Amino acid sequence: MTDLSAEEFEQLMSMLLNMQSQITGLTTTVRALIESHPDRESVDRILARQHLRLEAVLGASTAPDPTISTILSLLDDMRTIARRGPEGS
């Protein structure tokens, strides 16, 4: 890996912070949608399909990647929320 200039480092940090805030907002929104959706089984099926699609697109070679593992875990967590309902939160 090459050394980053101060400007490149600042740009990278800005992009990462922006991505983190987007993921946090997305997580909050998805959780609210899951908890308010009347058909939890449908939500669970949708999330399961998304999990499989993501794995298929990324392929087995990316499985050890911690970021991808985190995303897949997030989908699994959302499925758990969908199954148990807001009263279990």
C-alpha atoms as a PDB file:
ATOM      1  CA  MET A   1       0.000   0.000   0.000  1.00  0.00           C
ATOM      2  CA  THR A   2       1.304   3.442  -0.834  1.00  0.00           C
ATOM      3  CA  ASP A   3       1.457   6.254   1.658  1.00  0.00           C
ATOM      4  CA  LEU A   4      -1.407   8.706   1.446  1.00  0.00           C
ATOM      5  CA  SER A   5      -0.876  12.424   1.271  1.00  0.00           C
ATOM      6  CA  ALA A   6      -2.589  14.534   3.916  1.00  0.00           C
ATOM      7  CA  GLU A   7      -5.215  15.588   1.381  1.00  0.00           C
ATOM      8  CA  GLU A   8      -5.883  11.998   0.278  1.00  0.00           C
ATOM      9  CA  PHE A   9      -6.128  10.921   3.907  1.00  0.00           C
ATOM     10  CA  GLU A  10      -8.659  13.667   4.667  1.00  0.00           C
ATOM     11  CA  GLN A  11     -10.721  12.703   1.613  1.00  0.00           C
ATOM     12  CA  LEU A  12     -10.676   9.049   2.621  1.00  0.00           C
ATOM     13  CA  MET A  13     -11.681   9.854   6.199  1.00  0.00           C
ATOM     14  CA  SER A  14     -14.494  12.063   4.950  1.00  0.00           C
ATOM     15  CA  MET A  15     -15.786   9.287   2.687  1.00  0.00           C
ATOM     16  CA  LEU A  16     -15.583   6.703   5.475  1.00  0.00           C
ATOM     17  CA  LEU A  17     -17.416   8.930   7.950  1.00  0.00           C
ATOM     18  CA  ASN A  18     -20.071   9.639   5.327  1.00  0.00           C
ATOM     19  CA  MET A  19     -20.438   5.909   4.662  1.00  0.00           C
ATOM     20  CA  GLN A  20     -20.689   5.183   8.389  1.00  0.00           C
ATOM     21  CA  SER A  21     -23.455   7.752   8.834  1.00  0.00           C
ATOM     22  CA  GLN A  22     -25.322   6.341   5.821  1.00  0.00           C
ATOM     23  CA  ILE A  23     -25.095   2.810   7.226  1.00  0.00           C
ATOM     24  CA  THR A  24     -26.301   4.006  10.630  1.00  0.00           C
ATOM     25  CA  GLY A  25     -29.228   5.825   9.046  1.00  0.00           C
ATOM     26  CA  LEU A  26     -30.051   2.845   6.859  1.00  0.00           C
ATOM     27  CA  THR A  27     -29.939   0.490   9.832  1.00  0.00           C
ATOM     28  CA  THR A  28     -32.293   2.711  11.816  1.00  0.00           C
ATOM     29  CA  THR A  29     -34.690   3.042   8.896  1.00  0.00           C
ATOM     30  CA  VAL A  30     -34.704  -0.667   8.113  1.00  0.00           C
ATOM     31  CA  ARG A  31     -35.261  -1.544  11.758  1.00  0.00           C
ATOM     32  CA  ALA A  32     -38.230   0.854  11.953  1.00  0.00           C
ATOM     33  CA  LEU A  33     -39.702  -0.609   8.766  1.00  0.00           C
ATOM     34  CA  ILE A  34     -39.255  -4.148  10.026  1.00  0.00           C
ATOM     35  CA  GLU A  35     -40.838  -3.385  13.388  1.00  0.00           C
ATOM     36  CA  SER A  36     -43.841  -1.679  11.818  1.00  0.00           C
ATOM     37  CA  HIS A  37     -44.490  -4.132   8.969  1.00  0.00           C
ATOM     38  CA  PRO A  38     -47.580  -6.282   9.584  1.00  0.00           C
ATOM     39  CA  ASP A  39     -46.251  -9.374   7.758  1.00  0.00           C
ATOM     40  CA  ARG A  40     -43.057 -10.403   9.526  1.00  0.00           C
ATOM     41  CA  GLU A  41     -42.644 -13.624   7.537  1.00  0.00           C
ATOM     42  CA  SER A  42     -42.613 -11.603   4.328  1.00  0.00           C
ATOM     43  CA  VAL A  43     -39.934  -9.281   5.718  1.00  0.00           C
ATOM     44  CA  ASP A  44     -37.867 -12.282   6.813  1.00  0.00           C
ATOM     45  CA  ARG A  45     -38.099 -13.805   3.314  1.00  0.00           C
ATOM     46  CA  ILE A  46     -37.064 -10.510   1.692  1.00  0.00           C
ATOM     47  CA  LEU A  47     -34.045 -10.187   3.976  1.00  0.00           C
ATOM     48  CA  ALA A  48     -33.092 -13.836   3.408  1.00  0.00           C
ATOM     49  CA  ARG A  49     -33.170 -13.261  -0.366  1.00  0.00           C
ATOM     50  CA  GLN A  50     -31.031 -10.132  -0.004  1.00  0.00           C
ATOM     51  CA  HIS A  51     -28.522 -12.114   2.068  1.00  0.00           C
ATOM     52  CA  LEU A  52     -28.294 -14.811  -0.624  1.00  0.00           C
ATOM     53  CA  ARG A  53     -28.026 -12.231  -3.422  1.00  0.00           C
ATOM     54  CA  LEU A  54     -25.221 -10.422  -1.653  1.00  0.00           C
ATOM     55  CA  GLU A  55     -23.329 -13.668  -1.116  1.00  0.00           C
ATOM     56  CA  ALA A  56     -23.860 -14.651  -4.770  1.00  0.00           C
ATOM     57  CA  VAL A  57     -22.668 -11.296  -6.093  1.00  0.00           C
ATOM     58  CA  LEU A  58     -19.641 -11.103  -3.832  1.00  0.00           C
ATOM     59  CA  GLY A  59     -18.607 -14.731  -4.194  1.00  0.00           C
ATOM     60  CA  ALA A  60     -16.787 -17.040  -1.836  1.00  0.00           C
ATOM     61  CA  SER A  61     -13.443 -15.265  -2.191  1.00  0.00           C
ATOM     62  CA  THR A  62     -14.756 -12.267  -0.251  1.00  0.00           C
ATOM     63  CA  ALA A  63     -16.208 -14.278   2.655  1.00  0.00           C
ATOM     64  CA  PRO A  64     -13.228 -13.638   4.966  1.00  0.00           C
ATOM     65  CA  ASP A  65     -13.522  -9.865   4.426  1.00  0.00           C
ATOM     66  CA  PRO A  66     -14.573  -8.302   7.766  1.00  0.00           C
ATOM     67  CA  THR A  67     -16.678  -5.577   6.130  1.00  0.00           C
ATOM     68  CA  ILE A  68     -18.678  -8.088   4.136  1.00  0.00           C
ATOM     69  CA  SER A  69     -19.049 -10.302   7.202  1.00  0.00           C
ATOM     70  CA  THR A  70     -20.408  -7.284   9.073  1.00  0.00           C
ATOM     71  CA  ILE A  71     -22.941  -6.558   6.329  1.00  0.00           C
ATOM     72  CA  LEU A  72     -24.097 -10.176   6.240  1.00  0.00           C
ATOM     73  CA  SER A  73     -24.348 -10.192  10.037  1.00  0.00           C
ATOM     74  CA  LEU A  74     -26.415  -7.016   9.863  1.00  0.00           C
ATOM     75  CA  LEU A  75     -28.849  -8.739   7.501  1.00  0.00           C
ATOM     76  CA  ASP A  76     -29.034 -11.704   9.883  1.00  0.00           C
ATOM     77  CA  ASP A  77     -29.717  -9.338  12.795  1.00  0.00           C
ATOM     78  CA  MET A  78     -32.505  -7.676  10.828  1.00  0.00           C
ATOM     79  CA  ARG A  79     -34.032 -11.100  10.154  1.00  0.00           C
ATOM     80  CA  THR A  80     -33.932 -11.842  13.881  1.00  0.00           C
ATOM     81  CA  ILE A  81     -35.742  -8.576  14.596  1.00  0.00           C
ATOM     82  CA  ALA A  82     -38.309  -9.404  11.915  1.00  0.00           C
ATOM     83  CA  ARG A  83     -38.963 -12.813  13.456  1.00  0.00           C
ATOM     84  CA  ARG A  84     -39.263 -11.769  17.071  1.00  0.00           C
ATOM     85  CA  GLY A  85     -41.217  -8.531  16.601  1.00  0.00           C
ATOM     86  CA  PRO A  86     -41.037  -5.162  18.332  1.00  0.00           C
ATOM     87  CA  GLU A  87     -42.157  -6.574  21.665  1.00  0.00           C
ATOM     88  CA  GLY A  88     -38.944  -8.632  21.784  1.00  0.00           C
ATOM     89  CA  SER A  89     -36.736  -5.606  21.085  1.00  0.00           C
END
